[in-house]
């Protein structure tokens, strides 16, 4: 009995370590993203103070929408009824529409803070950062 308890505790600690490492990696990527975007946009202190809370709020809302859809798809589609499939389909459509509305709303807010040029540079910087992350992952896997 005690041996099983030791194994369970060991597995629990191992799992906790993996969760911590994954969170640390996410935190590192987030810090790199902030630094990359900040450098590309050349924000003034005043702009940065106003920009980052709005930008982070936008990203949090988009992540929440995507998470909802992702969780709904985890069950798969093979064993769902026609009604459940239709509900899932409608959920995805509504989430994409909500994301587009968030994009418009928050782009307008961001544009009011940093101007049109830097707002467009933001989109370019986000794409460049994604490409850099993908390249880094590919280089590590080779």
N, C-alpha and C. Protein backbone atom coordinates (compact mmCIF):
# COMPACT_ATOMS: atom_id res chain seq x y z
N UNK A 1 0.82 -1.19 0.00
CA UNK A 1 0.00 0.00 0.00
C UNK A 1 0.87 1.26 0.00
N UNK A 2 1.92 1.27 0.85
CA UNK A 2 2.79 2.43 0.92
C UNK A 2 3.56 2.63 -0.38
N UNK A 3 3.90 1.54 -1.01
CA UNK A 3 4.62 1.65 -2.28
C UNK A 3 3.75 2.34 -3.32
N UNK A 4 2.45 2.01 -3.36
CA UNK A 4 1.53 2.65 -4.29
C UNK A 4 1.42 4.14 -3.99
N UNK A 5 1.39 4.48 -2.73
CA UNK A 5 1.31 5.87 -2.32
C UNK A 5 2.55 6.64 -2.77
N UNK A 6 3.72 6.03 -2.62
CA UNK A 6 4.96 6.66 -3.05
C UNK A 6 4.96 6.88 -4.56
N UNK A 7 4.48 5.91 -5.30
CA UNK A 7 4.42 6.02 -6.76
C UNK A 7 3.45 7.14 -7.15
N UNK A 8 2.32 7.20 -6.49
CA UNK A 8 1.33 8.24 -6.78
C UNK A 8 1.92 9.62 -6.48
N UNK A 9 2.59 9.76 -5.36
CA UNK A 9 3.20 11.04 -5.00
C UNK A 9 4.28 11.40 -6.02
N UNK A 10 5.09 10.44 -6.43
CA UNK A 10 6.13 10.69 -7.42
C UNK A 10 5.52 11.13 -8.75
N UNK A 11 4.48 10.46 -9.18
CA UNK A 11 3.81 10.84 -10.43
C UNK A 11 3.19 12.23 -10.32
N UNK A 12 2.62 12.54 -9.18
CA UNK A 12 2.04 13.85 -8.96
C UNK A 12 3.11 14.94 -9.06
N UNK A 13 4.26 14.70 -8.41
CA UNK A 13 5.34 15.68 -8.46
C UNK A 13 5.89 15.84 -9.88
N UNK A 14 5.98 14.74 -10.61
CA UNK A 14 6.43 14.79 -11.99
C UNK A 14 5.46 15.61 -12.84
N UNK A 15 4.17 15.36 -12.66
CA UNK A 15 3.16 16.10 -13.40
C UNK A 15 3.23 17.59 -13.08
N UNK A 16 3.39 17.92 -11.81
CA UNK A 16 3.50 19.32 -11.39
C UNK A 16 4.71 19.97 -12.05
N UNK A 17 5.80 19.25 -12.14
CA UNK A 17 7.01 19.78 -12.77
C UNK A 17 6.76 20.07 -14.25
N UNK A 18 6.08 19.16 -14.92
CA UNK A 18 5.77 19.36 -16.33
C UNK A 18 4.87 20.56 -16.54
N UNK A 19 3.87 20.71 -15.68
CA UNK A 19 2.97 21.86 -15.76
C UNK A 19 3.75 23.15 -15.54
N UNK A 20 4.64 23.16 -14.56
CA UNK A 20 5.45 24.34 -14.27
C UNK A 20 6.34 24.68 -15.47
N UNK A 21 6.97 23.67 -16.07
CA UNK A 21 7.85 23.92 -17.22
C UNK A 21 7.05 24.47 -18.39
N UNK A 22 5.86 23.94 -18.62
CA UNK A 22 5.03 24.43 -19.72
C UNK A 22 4.63 25.88 -19.46
N UNK A 23 4.26 26.19 -18.22
CA UNK A 23 3.88 27.56 -17.88
C UNK A 23 5.08 28.50 -18.04
N UNK A 24 6.25 28.03 -17.63
CA UNK A 24 7.46 28.84 -17.77
C UNK A 24 7.74 29.13 -19.23
N UNK A 25 7.59 28.12 -20.09
CA UNK A 25 7.79 28.31 -21.53
C UNK A 25 6.79 29.31 -22.09
N UNK A 26 5.53 29.22 -21.66
CA UNK A 26 4.51 30.18 -22.12
C UNK A 26 4.87 31.59 -21.67
N UNK A 27 5.34 31.71 -20.43
CA UNK A 27 5.74 33.01 -19.91
C UNK A 27 6.92 33.59 -20.70
N UNK A 28 7.86 32.73 -21.05
CA UNK A 28 9.02 33.17 -21.84
C UNK A 28 8.57 33.66 -23.22
N UNK A 29 7.70 32.90 -23.86
CA UNK A 29 7.21 33.29 -25.18
C UNK A 29 6.46 34.61 -25.08
N UNK A 30 5.65 34.76 -24.04
CA UNK A 30 4.89 36.00 -23.86
C UNK A 30 5.84 37.18 -23.66
N UNK A 31 6.88 36.99 -22.88
CA UNK A 31 7.85 38.07 -22.66
C UNK A 31 8.57 38.42 -23.96
N UNK A 32 8.91 37.41 -24.74
CA UNK A 32 9.55 37.65 -26.04
C UNK A 32 8.61 38.40 -26.98
N UNK A 33 7.33 38.03 -26.96
CA UNK A 33 6.33 38.68 -27.82
C UNK A 33 6.21 40.16 -27.45
N UNK A 34 6.11 40.44 -26.17
CA UNK A 34 6.00 41.83 -25.71
C UNK A 34 7.23 42.63 -26.14
N UNK A 35 8.41 42.07 -25.94
CA UNK A 35 9.64 42.77 -26.31
C UNK A 35 9.71 42.97 -27.82
N UNK A 36 9.36 41.95 -28.59
CA UNK A 36 9.42 42.02 -30.05
C UNK A 36 8.47 43.10 -30.57
N UNK A 37 7.23 43.06 -30.11
CA UNK A 37 6.23 44.03 -30.57
C UNK A 37 6.60 45.44 -30.11
N UNK A 38 7.02 45.55 -28.87
CA UNK A 38 7.42 46.86 -28.35
C UNK A 38 8.54 47.48 -29.17
N UNK A 39 9.52 46.65 -29.53
CA UNK A 39 10.65 47.14 -30.33
C UNK A 39 10.18 47.56 -31.73
N UNK A 40 9.36 46.74 -32.35
CA UNK A 40 8.89 47.03 -33.71
C UNK A 40 8.02 48.28 -33.76
N UNK A 41 7.22 48.50 -32.73
CA UNK A 41 6.30 49.64 -32.75
C UNK A 41 6.95 50.94 -32.28
N UNK A 42 8.05 50.82 -31.55
CA UNK A 42 8.73 52.01 -31.02
C UNK A 42 7.75 52.90 -30.27
N UNK A 43 7.06 52.30 -29.31
CA UNK A 43 6.06 53.02 -28.53
C UNK A 43 6.71 54.02 -27.58
N UNK A 44 6.07 55.17 -27.45
CA UNK A 44 6.50 56.10 -26.42
C UNK A 44 6.03 55.54 -25.08
N UNK A 45 6.53 56.07 -24.00
CA UNK A 45 6.11 55.61 -22.66
C UNK A 45 4.61 55.81 -22.48
N UNK A 46 4.12 56.95 -22.91
CA UNK A 46 2.69 57.25 -22.79
C UNK A 46 1.85 56.27 -23.63
N UNK A 47 2.29 56.01 -24.85
CA UNK A 47 1.58 55.05 -25.71
C UNK A 47 1.60 53.66 -25.09
N UNK A 48 2.75 53.23 -24.62
CA UNK A 48 2.89 51.88 -24.04
C UNK A 48 1.98 51.71 -22.82
N UNK A 49 1.92 52.74 -21.98
CA UNK A 49 1.06 52.67 -20.78
C UNK A 49 -0.40 52.47 -21.14
N UNK A 50 -0.83 53.03 -22.25
CA UNK A 50 -2.23 52.90 -22.67
C UNK A 50 -2.45 51.68 -23.57
N UNK A 51 -1.45 51.39 -24.39
CA UNK A 51 -1.57 50.33 -25.39
C UNK A 51 -1.64 48.93 -24.78
N UNK A 52 -0.68 48.58 -23.90
CA UNK A 52 -0.56 47.20 -23.43
C UNK A 52 -1.80 46.68 -22.71
N UNK A 53 -2.44 47.47 -21.84
CA UNK A 53 -3.66 46.93 -21.21
C UNK A 53 -4.77 46.62 -22.23
N UNK A 54 -4.93 47.47 -23.23
CA UNK A 54 -5.96 47.25 -24.26
C UNK A 54 -5.59 46.05 -25.11
N UNK A 55 -4.35 45.98 -25.53
CA UNK A 55 -3.88 44.88 -26.36
C UNK A 55 -4.00 43.54 -25.63
N UNK A 56 -3.62 43.51 -24.36
CA UNK A 56 -3.71 42.28 -23.57
C UNK A 56 -5.17 41.87 -23.35
N UNK A 57 -6.03 42.83 -23.12
CA UNK A 57 -7.46 42.54 -22.94
C UNK A 57 -8.02 41.91 -24.22
N UNK A 58 -7.66 42.48 -25.36
CA UNK A 58 -8.10 41.93 -26.66
C UNK A 58 -7.62 40.48 -26.80
N UNK A 59 -6.33 40.25 -26.55
CA UNK A 59 -5.79 38.89 -26.70
C UNK A 59 -6.44 37.91 -25.74
N UNK A 60 -6.72 38.34 -24.52
CA UNK A 60 -7.39 37.47 -23.55
C UNK A 60 -8.78 37.07 -24.03
N UNK A 61 -9.51 38.02 -24.60
CA UNK A 61 -10.86 37.72 -25.09
C UNK A 61 -10.82 36.79 -26.30
N UNK A 62 -9.87 37.00 -27.19
CA UNK A 62 -9.73 36.11 -28.35
C UNK A 62 -9.36 34.70 -27.91
N UNK A 63 -8.42 34.60 -26.97
CA UNK A 63 -8.02 33.28 -26.46
C UNK A 63 -9.21 32.56 -25.82
N UNK A 64 -10.02 33.29 -25.08
CA UNK A 64 -11.19 32.68 -24.43
C UNK A 64 -12.18 32.16 -25.47
N UNK A 65 -12.41 32.93 -26.52
CA UNK A 65 -13.31 32.47 -27.59
C UNK A 65 -12.77 31.19 -28.24
N UNK A 66 -11.51 31.22 -28.58
CA UNK A 66 -10.91 30.07 -29.24
C UNK A 66 -10.89 28.84 -28.34
N UNK A 67 -10.67 29.07 -27.05
CA UNK A 67 -10.66 27.96 -26.11
C UNK A 67 -12.03 27.30 -26.03
N UNK A 68 -13.07 28.09 -26.03
CA UNK A 68 -14.43 27.56 -25.99
C UNK A 68 -14.69 26.64 -27.18
N UNK A 69 -14.31 27.09 -28.35
CA UNK A 69 -14.52 26.28 -29.56
C UNK A 69 -13.65 25.03 -29.51
N UNK A 70 -12.38 25.20 -29.13
CA UNK A 70 -11.46 24.05 -29.05
C UNK A 70 -11.98 22.99 -28.10
N UNK A 71 -12.49 23.41 -26.95
CA UNK A 71 -13.01 22.45 -25.97
C UNK A 71 -14.24 21.74 -26.52
N UNK A 72 -15.05 22.45 -27.27
CA UNK A 72 -16.24 21.83 -27.85
C UNK A 72 -15.88 20.78 -28.89
N UNK A 73 -14.77 20.97 -29.57
CA UNK A 73 -14.34 20.02 -30.59
C UNK A 73 -13.58 18.84 -30.02
N UNK A 74 -13.17 18.91 -28.76
CA UNK A 74 -12.39 17.83 -28.16
C UNK A 74 -13.13 16.50 -28.17
N UNK A 75 -14.43 16.54 -28.06
CA UNK A 75 -15.21 15.30 -28.06
C UNK A 75 -15.17 14.60 -29.41
N UNK A 76 -14.81 15.34 -30.44
CA UNK A 76 -14.85 14.80 -31.79
C UNK A 76 -16.24 15.00 -32.37
N UNK A 77 -16.42 14.55 -33.58
CA UNK A 77 -17.72 14.73 -34.24
C UNK A 77 -18.37 13.41 -34.63
N UNK A 78 -17.63 12.33 -34.54
CA UNK A 78 -18.14 11.05 -35.04
C UNK A 78 -19.34 10.52 -34.28
N UNK A 79 -19.41 10.77 -32.98
CA UNK A 79 -20.50 10.20 -32.19
C UNK A 79 -21.58 11.21 -31.81
N UNK A 80 -21.62 12.34 -32.51
CA UNK A 80 -22.61 13.37 -32.21
C UNK A 80 -23.85 13.21 -33.07
N UNK A 81 -24.97 13.60 -32.51
CA UNK A 81 -26.22 13.59 -33.28
C UNK A 81 -26.19 14.74 -34.28
N UNK A 82 -27.12 14.72 -35.20
CA UNK A 82 -27.20 15.79 -36.20
C UNK A 82 -27.42 17.15 -35.53
N UNK A 83 -28.24 17.18 -34.48
CA UNK A 83 -28.48 18.44 -33.77
C UNK A 83 -27.22 18.92 -33.07
N UNK A 84 -26.48 18.00 -32.43
CA UNK A 84 -25.25 18.38 -31.76
C UNK A 84 -24.21 18.89 -32.76
N UNK A 85 -24.17 18.25 -33.93
CA UNK A 85 -23.26 18.70 -34.98
C UNK A 85 -23.63 20.11 -35.45
N UNK A 86 -24.92 20.34 -35.63
CA UNK A 86 -25.38 21.67 -36.06
C UNK A 86 -25.06 22.71 -34.99
N UNK A 87 -25.26 22.36 -33.72
CA UNK A 87 -24.94 23.29 -32.62
C UNK A 87 -23.45 23.62 -32.60
N UNK A 88 -22.63 22.62 -32.82
CA UNK A 88 -21.19 22.82 -32.84
C UNK A 88 -20.79 23.71 -34.02
N UNK A 89 -21.39 23.45 -35.15
CA UNK A 89 -21.14 24.26 -36.34
C UNK A 89 -21.52 25.72 -36.09
N UNK A 90 -22.69 25.93 -35.51
CA UNK A 90 -23.15 27.29 -35.21
C UNK A 90 -22.25 27.97 -34.18
N UNK A 91 -21.78 27.22 -33.20
CA UNK A 91 -20.86 27.77 -32.19
C UNK A 91 -19.59 28.28 -32.86
N UNK A 92 -19.06 27.50 -33.78
CA UNK A 92 -17.83 27.92 -34.47
C UNK A 92 -18.08 29.19 -35.29
N UNK A 93 -19.19 29.24 -36.01
CA UNK A 93 -19.52 30.42 -36.82
C UNK A 93 -19.68 31.65 -35.92
N UNK A 94 -20.41 31.50 -34.82
CA UNK A 94 -20.63 32.63 -33.91
C UNK A 94 -19.31 33.08 -33.27
N UNK A 95 -18.45 32.14 -32.96
CA UNK A 95 -17.16 32.50 -32.37
C UNK A 95 -16.31 33.28 -33.36
N UNK A 96 -16.31 32.86 -34.61
CA UNK A 96 -15.54 33.59 -35.64
C UNK A 96 -16.11 34.99 -35.84
N UNK A 97 -17.44 35.12 -35.82
CA UNK A 97 -18.06 36.44 -35.95
C UNK A 97 -17.70 37.31 -34.74
N UNK A 98 -17.75 36.73 -33.56
CA UNK A 98 -17.40 37.47 -32.35
C UNK A 98 -15.94 37.90 -32.38
N UNK A 99 -15.09 37.02 -32.89
CA UNK A 99 -13.67 37.36 -32.99
C UNK A 99 -13.46 38.52 -33.97
N UNK A 100 -14.18 38.50 -35.09
CA UNK A 100 -14.08 39.60 -36.06
C UNK A 100 -14.56 40.91 -35.45
N UNK A 101 -15.63 40.85 -34.67
CA UNK A 101 -16.13 42.05 -34.00
C UNK A 101 -15.13 42.56 -32.96
N UNK A 102 -14.52 41.64 -32.20
CA UNK A 102 -13.49 42.03 -31.25
C UNK A 102 -12.31 42.69 -31.97
N UNK A 103 -11.92 42.11 -33.08
CA UNK A 103 -10.81 42.63 -33.87
C UNK A 103 -11.10 44.08 -34.29
N UNK A 104 -12.28 44.32 -34.79
CA UNK A 104 -12.66 45.68 -35.23
C UNK A 104 -12.69 46.63 -34.04
N UNK A 105 -13.37 46.23 -32.97
CA UNK A 105 -13.51 47.09 -31.79
C UNK A 105 -12.15 47.44 -31.20
N UNK A 106 -11.31 46.44 -31.01
CA UNK A 106 -10.02 46.68 -30.36
C UNK A 106 -9.03 47.36 -31.30
N UNK A 107 -9.13 47.09 -32.60
CA UNK A 107 -8.26 47.83 -33.53
C UNK A 107 -8.60 49.31 -33.49
N UNK A 108 -9.88 49.64 -33.40
CA UNK A 108 -10.28 51.04 -33.29
C UNK A 108 -9.71 51.66 -32.01
N UNK A 109 -9.78 50.92 -30.90
CA UNK A 109 -9.24 51.42 -29.63
C UNK A 109 -7.72 51.60 -29.73
N UNK A 110 -7.06 50.62 -30.32
CA UNK A 110 -5.60 50.68 -30.45
C UNK A 110 -5.20 51.81 -31.37
N UNK A 111 -5.91 51.96 -32.47
CA UNK A 111 -5.61 53.04 -33.42
C UNK A 111 -5.75 54.41 -32.74
N UNK A 112 -6.73 54.55 -31.87
CA UNK A 112 -6.91 55.82 -31.15
C UNK A 112 -5.72 56.09 -30.20
N UNK A 113 -5.06 55.05 -29.76
CA UNK A 113 -3.93 55.20 -28.83
C UNK A 113 -2.62 55.42 -29.57
N UNK A 114 -2.36 54.59 -30.60
CA UNK A 114 -1.03 54.63 -31.24
C UNK A 114 -1.05 55.11 -32.69
N UNK A 115 -2.22 55.37 -33.24
CA UNK A 115 -2.31 55.85 -34.62
C UNK A 115 -2.39 54.73 -35.63
N UNK A 116 -2.74 55.11 -36.84
CA UNK A 116 -2.96 54.14 -37.91
C UNK A 116 -1.68 53.42 -38.31
N UNK A 117 -0.59 54.16 -38.47
CA UNK A 117 0.66 53.56 -38.93
C UNK A 117 1.15 52.48 -37.96
N UNK A 118 1.17 52.81 -36.68
CA UNK A 118 1.65 51.83 -35.70
C UNK A 118 0.66 50.68 -35.54
N UNK A 119 -0.63 50.93 -35.76
CA UNK A 119 -1.61 49.83 -35.71
C UNK A 119 -1.34 48.84 -36.83
N UNK A 120 -1.03 49.36 -38.01
CA UNK A 120 -0.70 48.47 -39.13
C UNK A 120 0.65 47.78 -38.90
N UNK A 121 1.60 48.50 -38.30
CA UNK A 121 2.88 47.89 -37.97
C UNK A 121 2.70 46.78 -36.94
N UNK A 122 1.70 46.94 -36.06
CA UNK A 122 1.40 45.91 -35.08
C UNK A 122 1.04 44.60 -35.77
N UNK A 123 0.17 44.66 -36.76
CA UNK A 123 -0.23 43.43 -37.48
C UNK A 123 0.97 42.78 -38.14
N UNK A 124 1.84 43.59 -38.72
CA UNK A 124 3.05 43.06 -39.35
C UNK A 124 3.95 42.43 -38.30
N UNK A 125 4.12 43.12 -37.16
CA UNK A 125 4.97 42.60 -36.08
C UNK A 125 4.43 41.28 -35.54
N UNK A 126 3.11 41.18 -35.38
CA UNK A 126 2.51 39.92 -34.90
C UNK A 126 2.82 38.78 -35.86
N UNK A 127 2.67 39.03 -37.15
CA UNK A 127 2.97 37.99 -38.15
C UNK A 127 4.45 37.61 -38.14
N UNK A 128 5.32 38.62 -38.04
CA UNK A 128 6.76 38.35 -38.00
C UNK A 128 7.12 37.54 -36.76
N UNK A 129 6.50 37.87 -35.63
CA UNK A 129 6.79 37.13 -34.40
C UNK A 129 6.36 35.67 -34.53
N UNK A 130 5.19 35.44 -35.09
CA UNK A 130 4.72 34.06 -35.29
C UNK A 130 5.70 33.29 -36.17
N UNK A 131 6.18 33.93 -37.24
CA UNK A 131 7.14 33.29 -38.14
C UNK A 131 8.44 32.97 -37.40
N UNK A 132 8.89 33.88 -36.56
CA UNK A 132 10.11 33.66 -35.78
C UNK A 132 9.95 32.48 -34.82
N UNK A 133 8.80 32.41 -34.16
CA UNK A 133 8.55 31.31 -33.23
C UNK A 133 8.52 29.98 -33.98
N UNK A 134 7.82 29.95 -35.10
CA UNK A 134 7.75 28.72 -35.91
C UNK A 134 9.15 28.32 -36.38
N UNK A 135 9.92 29.29 -36.84
CA UNK A 135 11.28 29.01 -37.30
C UNK A 135 12.13 28.45 -36.15
N UNK A 136 12.01 29.04 -34.98
CA UNK A 136 12.77 28.57 -33.81
C UNK A 136 12.39 27.14 -33.46
N UNK A 137 11.11 26.84 -33.48
CA UNK A 137 10.65 25.48 -33.18
C UNK A 137 11.17 24.49 -34.21
N UNK A 138 11.11 24.88 -35.49
CA UNK A 138 11.59 24.01 -36.55
C UNK A 138 13.09 23.77 -36.43
N UNK A 139 13.83 24.85 -36.11
CA UNK A 139 15.29 24.70 -35.96
C UNK A 139 15.63 23.76 -34.80
N UNK A 140 14.87 23.83 -33.72
CA UNK A 140 15.14 22.97 -32.57
C UNK A 140 14.80 21.51 -32.88
N UNK A 141 13.81 21.30 -33.75
CA UNK A 141 13.42 19.92 -34.04
C UNK A 141 14.35 19.24 -35.05
N UNK A 142 15.18 20.03 -35.74
CA UNK A 142 16.12 19.47 -36.73
C UNK A 142 17.36 18.93 -36.11
